[in-house]
Amino acid sequence: MFISPMLLETAAGPFSDPRHIYEPKIDGHRLIFSQEDGNVRLIYAP
């Protein structure tokens, strides 16, 4: 199962929701994590 990454959006203030764990995008690089049936895939998305 592949879930599309969240795209960049402008917001009025910082995102804060205890149901989500996130880390800011740094230096224009993104790594997408996918786990299915115990198999892990890391996809580099510049």
N, C-alpha and C. Protein backbone atom coordinates (compact mmCIF):
# COMPACT_ATOMS: atom_id res chain seq x y z
N MET A 1 0.85 -1.17 0.00
CA MET A 1 0.00 0.00 0.00
C MET A 1 0.89 1.23 0.00
N PHE A 2 0.65 2.13 -0.92
CA PHE A 2 1.42 3.37 -1.00
C PHE A 2 0.51 4.53 -0.63
N ILE A 3 0.96 5.38 0.28
CA ILE A 3 0.22 6.57 0.67
C ILE A 3 1.02 7.77 0.18
N SER A 4 0.40 8.64 -0.59
CA SER A 4 1.09 9.81 -1.11
C SER A 4 1.58 10.69 0.03
N PRO A 5 2.75 11.31 -0.13
CA PRO A 5 3.27 12.17 0.94
C PRO A 5 2.44 13.45 1.07
N MET A 6 2.46 14.02 2.28
CA MET A 6 1.77 15.27 2.51
C MET A 6 2.53 16.38 1.79
N LEU A 7 1.83 17.21 1.05
CA LEU A 7 2.45 18.28 0.30
C LEU A 7 2.55 19.54 1.16
N LEU A 8 3.49 20.40 0.81
CA LEU A 8 3.73 21.64 1.52
C LEU A 8 2.55 22.58 1.35
N GLU A 9 2.11 23.19 2.45
CA GLU A 9 1.03 24.16 2.42
C GLU A 9 1.39 25.34 3.32
N THR A 10 0.83 26.51 3.03
CA THR A 10 1.01 27.67 3.89
C THR A 10 -0.04 27.60 4.99
N ALA A 11 0.36 27.93 6.21
CA ALA A 11 -0.56 27.88 7.34
C ALA A 11 -0.42 29.15 8.17
N ALA A 12 -1.48 29.47 8.89
CA ALA A 12 -1.47 30.67 9.72
C ALA A 12 -0.51 30.54 10.90
N GLY A 13 -0.28 29.31 11.38
CA GLY A 13 0.60 29.09 12.53
C GLY A 13 1.20 27.71 12.47
N PRO A 14 2.09 27.38 13.41
CA PRO A 14 2.72 26.06 13.42
C PRO A 14 1.70 24.93 13.63
N PHE A 15 1.99 23.78 13.03
CA PHE A 15 1.14 22.60 13.18
C PHE A 15 1.35 22.00 14.57
N SER A 16 0.29 21.70 15.25
CA SER A 16 0.39 21.08 16.57
C SER A 16 -0.81 20.17 16.78
N ASP A 17 -0.56 18.88 16.80
CA ASP A 17 -1.63 17.91 17.03
C ASP A 17 -0.99 16.69 17.69
N PRO A 18 -1.40 16.35 18.91
CA PRO A 18 -0.77 15.22 19.61
C PRO A 18 -0.97 13.87 18.95
N ARG A 19 -1.89 13.78 17.97
CA ARG A 19 -2.12 12.51 17.28
C ARG A 19 -1.08 12.25 16.19
N HIS A 20 -0.27 13.23 15.86
CA HIS A 20 0.70 13.10 14.77
C HIS A 20 2.12 13.27 15.28
N ILE A 21 3.02 12.49 14.71
CA ILE A 21 4.45 12.65 14.97
C ILE A 21 5.06 13.12 13.65
N TYR A 22 5.81 14.16 13.68
CA TYR A 22 6.40 14.68 12.45
C TYR A 22 7.73 15.34 12.75
N GLU A 23 8.43 15.63 11.70
CA GLU A 23 9.68 16.34 11.83
C GLU A 23 9.80 17.24 10.61
N PRO A 24 10.29 18.45 10.78
CA PRO A 24 10.31 19.38 9.65
C PRO A 24 11.20 18.90 8.51
N LYS A 25 10.83 19.27 7.31
CA LYS A 25 11.62 18.96 6.12
C LYS A 25 12.87 19.85 6.14
N ILE A 26 14.03 19.25 5.98
CA ILE A 26 15.29 20.00 6.08
C ILE A 26 16.06 19.85 4.77
N ASP A 27 16.62 20.96 4.27
CA ASP A 27 17.49 20.97 3.10
C ASP A 27 16.83 20.45 1.83
N GLY A 28 15.51 20.48 1.74
CA GLY A 28 14.85 20.11 0.50
C GLY A 28 14.83 18.62 0.21
N HIS A 29 15.05 17.77 1.21
CA HIS A 29 15.06 16.32 0.99
C HIS A 29 13.94 15.69 1.82
N ARG A 30 13.38 14.62 1.30
CA ARG A 30 12.31 13.92 2.00
C ARG A 30 12.52 12.42 1.85
N LEU A 31 12.28 11.69 2.92
CA LEU A 31 12.37 10.24 2.89
C LEU A 31 11.00 9.70 3.26
N ILE A 32 10.43 8.90 2.39
CA ILE A 32 9.10 8.34 2.62
C ILE A 32 9.26 6.92 3.16
N PHE A 33 8.60 6.65 4.28
CA PHE A 33 8.66 5.35 4.94
C PHE A 33 7.39 4.59 4.63
N SER A 34 7.52 3.34 4.23
CA SER A 34 6.37 2.48 3.96
C SER A 34 6.62 1.13 4.62
N GLN A 35 5.62 0.62 5.33
CA GLN A 35 5.75 -0.70 5.96
C GLN A 35 4.50 -1.50 5.64
N GLU A 36 4.70 -2.71 5.11
CA GLU A 36 3.58 -3.57 4.77
C GLU A 36 3.99 -5.02 4.97
N ASP A 37 3.24 -5.75 5.74
CA ASP A 37 3.51 -7.17 6.03
C ASP A 37 4.93 -7.38 6.55
N GLY A 38 5.41 -6.45 7.37
CA GLY A 38 6.75 -6.58 7.95
C GLY A 38 7.87 -6.12 7.03
N ASN A 39 7.56 -5.78 5.79
CA ASN A 39 8.57 -5.27 4.86
C ASN A 39 8.62 -3.75 4.95
N VAL A 40 9.83 -3.21 5.06
CA VAL A 40 10.02 -1.77 5.16
C VAL A 40 10.64 -1.27 3.87
N ARG A 41 10.08 -0.16 3.35
CA ARG A 41 10.66 0.50 2.17
C ARG A 41 10.92 1.95 2.53
N LEU A 42 12.10 2.44 2.18
CA LEU A 42 12.43 3.85 2.34
C LEU A 42 12.61 4.42 0.93
N ILE A 43 11.85 5.44 0.61
CA ILE A 43 11.87 6.02 -0.72
C ILE A 43 12.39 7.45 -0.61
N TYR A 44 13.47 7.74 -1.31
CA TYR A 44 14.05 9.07 -1.31
C TYR A 44 13.29 9.93 -2.30
N ALA A 45 12.76 11.06 -1.82
CA ALA A 45 11.99 11.96 -2.67
C ALA A 45 12.56 13.36 -2.54
N PRO A 46 13.51 13.74 -3.41
CA PRO A 46 14.13 15.08 -3.30
C PRO A 46 13.15 16.20 -3.59
